[in-house]
Amino acid sequence: MSQSAVTPTASPSTGIQARHQAELDQGRFLIQHCAGCDQHLYYPRELCPHCGSDALSLVAPAGTGTVYSTTVVRRQPEAGGDYNVALIDLDEGVRLMSRVSNLAPEAVAIGLRVQARVQVSEGRGLVLFDALIGDAA
């Protein structure tokens, strides 16, 4: 059985994923919007998975959302301690994996309202969420 090399259609430094990461690195959180079907998308893609259109643009979301699911990852204190991993449903209708960073891991609960922010560390941006205390869904 022969194997053939797969050639990527876009360079890792020029494709939509790279553009999205470059925006995060500048402290900007963007998601895609499809002009063909008026849906929002996340993670960034070349074509809309809903309608197949390539009429996609990067837009700034409100950044507010709701914790859909959460779990606590247990680590030794010398490894940085416990942290949560959460699936967040943005109000725009997309779901992404991140973590809620301003609460103890055990305090993050399904239905918790959150607000996105970008943390830039060593030049790399990452989307994190802060709990909107007192604003449950």
N, C-alpha and C. Protein backbone atom coordinates (compact mmCIF):
# COMPACT_ATOMS: atom_id res chain seq x y z
N MET A 1 0.84 -1.17 0.00
CA MET A 1 0.00 0.00 0.00
C MET A 1 0.89 1.23 0.00
N SER A 2 0.67 2.13 -0.93
CA SER A 2 1.50 3.33 -1.01
C SER A 2 0.84 4.47 -0.26
N GLN A 3 1.67 5.33 0.25
CA GLN A 3 1.16 6.51 0.95
C GLN A 3 1.50 7.74 0.13
N SER A 4 0.57 8.65 0.02
CA SER A 4 0.84 9.89 -0.68
C SER A 4 0.83 11.04 0.31
N ALA A 5 1.65 12.01 0.06
CA ALA A 5 1.72 13.18 0.93
C ALA A 5 0.50 14.06 0.71
N VAL A 6 0.02 14.62 1.79
CA VAL A 6 -1.10 15.54 1.71
C VAL A 6 -0.54 16.96 1.77
N THR A 7 -0.87 17.74 0.77
CA THR A 7 -0.41 19.12 0.73
C THR A 7 -1.51 20.02 1.26
N PRO A 8 -1.23 20.79 2.32
CA PRO A 8 -2.27 21.67 2.85
C PRO A 8 -2.63 22.75 1.85
N THR A 9 -3.90 23.17 1.87
CA THR A 9 -4.34 24.20 0.94
C THR A 9 -3.91 25.59 1.37
N ALA A 10 -3.64 25.78 2.65
CA ALA A 10 -3.20 27.08 3.14
C ALA A 10 -2.03 26.89 4.09
N SER A 11 -1.08 27.77 4.00
CA SER A 11 0.07 27.72 4.89
C SER A 11 -0.38 27.98 6.33
N PRO A 12 0.23 27.29 7.30
CA PRO A 12 -0.13 27.55 8.69
C PRO A 12 0.07 29.00 9.10
N SER A 13 0.88 29.74 8.35
CA SER A 13 1.11 31.14 8.69
C SER A 13 0.20 32.09 7.93
N THR A 14 -0.65 31.58 7.02
CA THR A 14 -1.49 32.47 6.24
C THR A 14 -2.97 32.10 6.23
N GLY A 15 -3.36 30.95 6.71
CA GLY A 15 -4.74 30.51 6.67
C GLY A 15 -5.61 31.21 7.71
N ILE A 16 -6.88 30.86 7.72
CA ILE A 16 -7.83 31.48 8.64
C ILE A 16 -7.48 31.18 10.10
N GLN A 17 -6.95 29.99 10.38
CA GLN A 17 -6.53 29.68 11.76
C GLN A 17 -5.40 30.61 12.20
N ALA A 18 -4.45 30.86 11.30
CA ALA A 18 -3.33 31.75 11.62
C ALA A 18 -3.82 33.18 11.82
N ARG A 19 -4.76 33.61 10.98
CA ARG A 19 -5.30 34.97 11.13
C ARG A 19 -6.04 35.10 12.47
N HIS A 20 -6.81 34.08 12.81
CA HIS A 20 -7.53 34.09 14.09
C HIS A 20 -6.54 34.16 15.25
N GLN A 21 -5.48 33.35 15.21
CA GLN A 21 -4.49 33.36 16.29
C GLN A 21 -3.77 34.70 16.34
N ALA A 22 -3.49 35.30 15.20
CA ALA A 22 -2.83 36.61 15.17
C ALA A 22 -3.71 37.66 15.86
N GLU A 23 -5.02 37.59 15.64
CA GLU A 23 -5.94 38.52 16.32
C GLU A 23 -5.92 38.28 17.83
N LEU A 24 -5.94 37.00 18.24
CA LEU A 24 -5.84 36.69 19.67
C LEU A 24 -4.54 37.22 20.26
N ASP A 25 -3.46 37.07 19.52
CA ASP A 25 -2.16 37.54 19.99
C ASP A 25 -2.15 39.05 20.19
N GLN A 26 -3.04 39.75 19.49
CA GLN A 26 -3.18 41.20 19.65
C GLN A 26 -4.26 41.55 20.68
N GLY A 27 -4.82 40.53 21.34
CA GLY A 27 -5.80 40.76 22.39
C GLY A 27 -7.23 40.86 21.90
N ARG A 28 -7.50 40.45 20.64
CA ARG A 28 -8.84 40.54 20.07
C ARG A 28 -9.43 39.15 19.86
N PHE A 29 -10.61 38.91 20.43
CA PHE A 29 -11.35 37.67 20.26
C PHE A 29 -12.38 37.87 19.15
N LEU A 30 -12.27 37.10 18.09
CA LEU A 30 -13.18 37.19 16.95
C LEU A 30 -13.75 35.81 16.63
N ILE A 31 -14.98 35.79 16.15
CA ILE A 31 -15.58 34.57 15.64
C ILE A 31 -16.01 34.87 14.21
N GLN A 32 -16.39 33.84 13.47
CA GLN A 32 -16.82 34.06 12.09
C GLN A 32 -18.32 34.23 12.00
N HIS A 33 -18.73 34.98 11.00
CA HIS A 33 -20.14 35.14 10.66
C HIS A 33 -20.28 34.82 9.18
N CYS A 34 -21.31 34.03 8.86
CA CYS A 34 -21.57 33.64 7.47
C CYS A 34 -22.65 34.56 6.88
N ALA A 35 -22.32 35.25 5.81
CA ALA A 35 -23.29 36.10 5.12
C ALA A 35 -24.31 35.26 4.36
N GLY A 36 -23.95 34.01 4.04
CA GLY A 36 -24.85 33.15 3.28
C GLY A 36 -26.06 32.68 4.08
N CYS A 37 -25.87 32.38 5.37
CA CYS A 37 -26.98 31.84 6.18
C CYS A 37 -27.17 32.57 7.50
N ASP A 38 -26.39 33.61 7.73
CA ASP A 38 -26.49 34.45 8.93
C ASP A 38 -26.18 33.70 10.22
N GLN A 39 -25.36 32.64 10.12
CA GLN A 39 -24.94 31.88 11.32
C GLN A 39 -23.55 32.34 11.76
N HIS A 40 -23.29 32.21 13.06
CA HIS A 40 -21.95 32.43 13.58
C HIS A 40 -21.25 31.08 13.66
N LEU A 41 -19.92 31.11 13.55
CA LEU A 41 -19.11 29.88 13.56
C LEU A 41 -17.95 30.03 14.54
N TYR A 42 -17.60 28.95 15.14
CA TYR A 42 -16.35 28.87 15.90
C TYR A 42 -16.03 27.40 16.03
N TYR A 43 -14.94 27.04 15.65
CA TYR A 43 -13.64 27.54 15.34
C TYR A 43 -13.61 28.05 13.90
N PRO A 44 -12.66 28.89 13.55
CA PRO A 44 -12.60 29.45 12.19
C PRO A 44 -12.40 28.36 11.12
N ARG A 45 -13.13 28.51 10.02
CA ARG A 45 -13.09 27.55 8.92
C ARG A 45 -13.07 28.28 7.59
N GLU A 46 -12.76 27.56 6.56
CA GLU A 46 -12.73 28.14 5.21
C GLU A 46 -14.13 28.20 4.59
N LEU A 47 -15.01 27.26 4.96
CA LEU A 47 -16.37 27.19 4.43
C LEU A 47 -17.35 27.03 5.57
N CYS A 48 -18.54 27.57 5.40
CA CYS A 48 -19.58 27.46 6.42
C CYS A 48 -20.09 26.01 6.48
N PRO A 49 -20.09 25.39 7.66
CA PRO A 49 -20.59 24.03 7.77
C PRO A 49 -22.13 23.95 7.67
N HIS A 50 -22.80 25.08 7.77
CA HIS A 50 -24.26 25.11 7.70
C HIS A 50 -24.77 25.17 6.26
N CYS A 51 -24.12 26.01 5.44
CA CYS A 51 -24.63 26.21 4.08
C CYS A 51 -23.57 26.04 2.99
N GLY A 52 -22.30 25.89 3.36
CA GLY A 52 -21.25 25.69 2.38
C GLY A 52 -20.69 26.97 1.78
N SER A 53 -21.18 28.11 2.21
CA SER A 53 -20.72 29.39 1.67
C SER A 53 -19.30 29.70 2.10
N ASP A 54 -18.60 30.46 1.25
CA ASP A 54 -17.29 30.96 1.64
C ASP A 54 -17.35 32.44 2.00
N ALA A 55 -18.56 32.97 2.15
CA ALA A 55 -18.76 34.39 2.49
C ALA A 55 -18.69 34.56 4.01
N LEU A 56 -17.50 34.31 4.55
CA LEU A 56 -17.28 34.35 6.00
C LEU A 56 -16.44 35.56 6.36
N SER A 57 -16.80 36.21 7.46
CA SER A 57 -16.01 37.33 7.96
C SER A 57 -15.79 37.15 9.45
N LEU A 58 -14.69 37.72 9.92
CA LEU A 58 -14.40 37.69 11.36
C LEU A 58 -15.09 38.89 12.01
N VAL A 59 -15.83 38.63 13.08
CA VAL A 59 -16.57 39.68 13.79
C VAL A 59 -16.31 39.53 15.29
N ALA A 60 -16.45 40.63 16.00
CA ALA A 60 -16.29 40.61 17.45
C ALA A 60 -17.61 40.19 18.10
N PRO A 61 -17.60 39.10 18.86
CA PRO A 61 -18.82 38.71 19.57
C PRO A 61 -19.03 39.58 20.81
N ALA A 62 -20.24 39.54 21.34
CA ALA A 62 -20.48 40.23 22.62
C ALA A 62 -19.56 39.62 23.69
N GLY A 63 -19.28 38.32 23.55
CA GLY A 63 -18.39 37.65 24.49
C GLY A 63 -19.08 37.08 25.70
N THR A 64 -20.37 37.32 25.83
CA THR A 64 -21.10 36.75 26.96
C THR A 64 -21.64 35.38 26.58
N GLY A 65 -21.74 34.53 27.58
CA GLY A 65 -22.22 33.19 27.33
C GLY A 65 -22.59 32.48 28.62
N THR A 66 -22.83 31.19 28.48
CA THR A 66 -23.28 30.35 29.58
C THR A 66 -22.46 29.07 29.61
N VAL A 67 -22.07 28.64 30.81
CA VAL A 67 -21.36 27.37 30.95
C VAL A 67 -22.33 26.24 30.61
N TYR A 68 -21.98 25.45 29.61
CA TYR A 68 -22.78 24.31 29.19
C TYR A 68 -22.36 23.05 29.95
N SER A 69 -21.05 22.92 30.19
CA SER A 69 -20.51 21.74 30.86
C SER A 69 -19.19 22.14 31.51
N THR A 70 -18.84 21.48 32.60
CA THR A 70 -17.58 21.79 33.25
C THR A 70 -17.03 20.56 33.98
N THR A 71 -15.74 20.52 34.11
CA THR A 71 -15.09 19.48 34.88
C THR A 71 -13.86 20.08 35.55
N VAL A 72 -13.39 19.43 36.59
CA VAL A 72 -12.19 19.87 37.30
C VAL A 72 -11.06 18.92 36.95
N VAL A 73 -9.95 19.48 36.51
CA VAL A 73 -8.74 18.70 36.25
C VAL A 73 -7.89 18.80 37.50
N ARG A 74 -7.59 17.66 38.10
CA ARG A 74 -6.82 17.62 39.35
C ARG A 74 -5.34 17.49 39.03
N ARG A 75 -4.54 18.38 39.66
CA ARG A 75 -3.09 18.32 39.52
C ARG A 75 -2.44 18.57 40.87
N GLN A 76 -1.25 18.08 41.01
CA GLN A 76 -0.48 18.33 42.22
C GLN A 76 -0.20 19.83 42.34
N PRO A 77 -0.13 20.34 43.57
CA PRO A 77 0.14 21.78 43.75
C PRO A 77 1.41 22.24 43.04
N GLU A 78 2.45 21.40 43.05
CA GLU A 78 3.71 21.80 42.40
C GLU A 78 3.58 21.86 40.87
N ALA A 79 2.50 21.27 40.33
CA ALA A 79 2.25 21.33 38.88
C ALA A 79 1.29 22.47 38.54
N GLY A 80 0.94 23.28 39.53
CA GLY A 80 0.07 24.43 39.28
C GLY A 80 -1.31 24.30 39.89
N GLY A 81 -1.63 23.15 40.45
CA GLY A 81 -2.92 22.97 41.12
C GLY A 81 -4.05 22.67 40.15
N ASP A 82 -5.22 22.53 40.73
CA ASP A 82 -6.42 22.17 39.96
C ASP A 82 -6.87 23.33 39.07
N TYR A 83 -7.57 22.99 37.98
CA TYR A 83 -8.19 23.99 37.13
C TYR A 83 -9.44 23.38 36.51
N ASN A 84 -10.31 24.24 35.98
CA ASN A 84 -11.53 23.74 35.35
C ASN A 84 -11.37 23.79 33.83
N VAL A 85 -12.09 22.93 33.17
CA VAL A 85 -12.26 22.98 31.72
C VAL A 85 -13.76 23.05 31.49
N ALA A 86 -14.17 24.02 30.68
CA ALA A 86 -15.61 24.23 30.49
C ALA A 86 -15.94 24.37 29.01
N LEU A 87 -17.14 23.89 28.67
CA LEU A 87 -17.72 24.19 27.37
C LEU A 87 -18.62 25.40 27.58
N ILE A 88 -18.41 26.43 26.78
CA ILE A 88 -19.13 27.67 26.92
C ILE A 88 -19.98 27.89 25.67
N ASP A 89 -21.27 28.14 25.86
CA ASP A 89 -22.16 28.52 24.76
C ASP A 89 -22.22 30.04 24.72
N LEU A 90 -21.62 30.63 23.66
CA LEU A 90 -21.72 32.07 23.51
C LEU A 90 -23.14 32.45 23.11
N ASP A 91 -23.54 33.66 23.43
CA ASP A 91 -24.88 34.13 23.09
C ASP A 91 -25.11 34.15 21.58
N GLU A 92 -24.04 34.17 20.80
CA GLU A 92 -24.15 34.14 19.34
C GLU A 92 -24.49 32.75 18.80
N GLY A 93 -24.48 31.73 19.68
CA GLY A 93 -24.88 30.40 19.27
C GLY A 93 -23.75 29.42 19.00
N VAL A 94 -22.51 29.78 19.31
CA VAL A 94 -21.40 28.86 19.12
C VAL A 94 -20.93 28.33 20.47
N ARG A 95 -20.31 27.19 20.46
CA ARG A 95 -19.79 26.56 21.68
C ARG A 95 -18.28 26.43 21.54
N LEU A 96 -17.56 26.76 22.62
CA LEU A 96 -16.12 26.57 22.61
C LEU A 96 -15.62 26.07 23.95
N MET A 97 -14.46 25.47 23.93
CA MET A 97 -13.84 24.95 25.14
C MET A 97 -12.85 25.98 25.67
N SER A 98 -12.91 26.21 26.96
CA SER A 98 -12.00 27.16 27.59
C SER A 98 -12.00 26.85 29.08
N ARG A 99 -11.78 27.89 29.89
CA ARG A 99 -11.91 27.74 31.32
C ARG A 99 -12.37 29.05 31.93
N VAL A 100 -13.01 28.93 33.08
CA VAL A 100 -13.44 30.10 33.85
C VAL A 100 -12.33 30.36 34.85
N SER A 101 -11.74 31.55 34.79
CA SER A 101 -10.51 31.77 35.53
C SER A 101 -10.65 32.57 36.82
N ASN A 102 -11.81 33.16 37.09
CA ASN A 102 -11.91 33.98 38.30
C ASN A 102 -12.68 33.31 39.44
N LEU A 103 -12.89 31.99 39.32
CA LEU A 103 -13.53 31.23 40.39
C LEU A 103 -12.68 29.99 40.70
N ALA A 104 -12.84 29.47 41.89
CA ALA A 104 -12.23 28.18 42.21
C ALA A 104 -12.81 27.14 41.25
N PRO A 105 -12.02 26.17 40.82
CA PRO A 105 -12.51 25.18 39.84
C PRO A 105 -13.82 24.51 40.25
N GLU A 106 -13.98 24.21 41.54
CA GLU A 106 -15.18 23.53 42.02
C GLU A 106 -16.41 24.44 42.02
N ALA A 107 -16.20 25.76 41.95
CA ALA A 107 -17.31 26.71 42.00
C ALA A 107 -17.93 26.97 40.63
N VAL A 108 -17.28 26.52 39.57
CA VAL A 108 -17.82 26.71 38.22
C VAL A 108 -18.96 25.72 38.04
N ALA A 109 -20.13 26.23 37.64
CA ALA A 109 -21.32 25.39 37.55
C ALA A 109 -22.03 25.57 36.21
N ILE A 110 -22.71 24.54 35.78
CA ILE A 110 -23.53 24.60 34.58
C ILE A 110 -24.56 25.71 34.76
N GLY A 111 -24.74 26.52 33.73
CA GLY A 111 -25.69 27.62 33.77
C GLY A 111 -25.08 28.95 34.20
N LEU A 112 -23.83 28.93 34.66
CA LEU A 112 -23.15 30.15 35.09
C LEU A 112 -22.96 31.08 33.89
N ARG A 113 -23.30 32.36 34.05
CA ARG A 113 -23.07 33.35 33.01
C ARG A 113 -21.62 33.82 33.08
N VAL A 114 -21.01 33.97 31.91
CA VAL A 114 -19.60 34.31 31.83
C VAL A 114 -19.36 35.37 30.75
N GLN A 115 -18.18 36.00 30.84
CA GLN A 115 -17.74 37.00 29.87
C GLN A 115 -16.35 36.64 29.38
N ALA A 116 -16.16 36.63 28.07
CA ALA A 116 -14.87 36.30 27.47
C ALA A 116 -13.88 37.44 27.65
N ARG A 117 -12.62 37.06 27.73
CA ARG A 117 -11.51 38.01 27.68
C ARG A 117 -10.32 37.28 27.07
N VAL A 118 -9.40 38.03 26.53
CA VAL A 118 -8.21 37.43 25.94
C VAL A 118 -7.04 37.68 26.88
N GLN A 119 -6.35 36.60 27.21
CA GLN A 119 -5.13 36.69 28.01
C GLN A 119 -3.96 36.47 27.06
N VAL A 120 -3.04 37.41 27.03
CA VAL A 120 -1.86 37.28 26.19
C VAL A 120 -0.67 37.02 27.10
N SER A 121 -0.03 35.88 26.88
CA SER A 121 1.13 35.49 27.68
C SER A 121 2.24 35.03 26.74
N GLU A 122 3.41 35.63 26.89
CA GLU A 122 4.55 35.32 26.02
C GLU A 122 4.18 35.46 24.55
N GLY A 123 3.36 36.48 24.25
CA GLY A 123 3.01 36.78 22.87
C GLY A 123 1.89 35.96 22.27
N ARG A 124 1.32 35.02 23.03
CA ARG A 124 0.24 34.17 22.51
C ARG A 124 -1.06 34.45 23.24
N GLY A 125 -2.12 34.70 22.46
CA GLY A 125 -3.42 34.99 23.03
C GLY A 125 -4.24 33.73 23.26
N LEU A 126 -5.02 33.75 24.31
CA LEU A 126 -5.88 32.63 24.69
C LEU A 126 -7.19 33.19 25.23
N VAL A 127 -8.33 32.63 24.78
CA VAL A 127 -9.63 33.08 25.27
C VAL A 127 -9.92 32.39 26.60
N LEU A 128 -10.16 33.20 27.63
CA LEU A 128 -10.57 32.73 28.94
C LEU A 128 -11.90 33.40 29.27
N PHE A 129 -12.56 32.92 30.30
CA PHE A 129 -13.83 33.50 30.71
C PHE A 129 -13.79 33.86 32.18
N ASP A 130 -14.52 34.92 32.51
CA ASP A 130 -14.71 35.33 33.90
C ASP A 130 -16.20 35.17 34.21
N ALA A 131 -16.47 34.67 35.41
CA ALA A 131 -17.86 34.52 35.84
C ALA A 131 -18.47 35.90 36.05
N LEU A 132 -19.70 36.03 35.62
CA LEU A 132 -20.49 37.23 35.90
C LEU A 132 -21.27 36.93 37.17
N ILE A 133 -20.68 37.19 38.29
CA ILE A 133 -21.23 36.84 39.60
C ILE A 133 -22.60 37.50 39.77
N GLY A 134 -23.55 36.68 40.22
CA GLY A 134 -24.89 37.18 40.47
C GLY A 134 -25.75 37.24 39.21
N ASP A 135 -25.27 36.67 38.07
CA ASP A 135 -26.02 36.72 36.81
C ASP A 135 -26.20 35.32 36.27
N ALA A 136 -26.92 34.47 36.99
CA ALA A 136 -27.13 33.08 36.56
C ALA A 136 -28.18 33.02 35.46
N ALA A 137 -28.06 31.99 34.63
CA ALA A 137 -28.99 31.83 33.51
C ALA A 137 -30.31 31.26 33.99
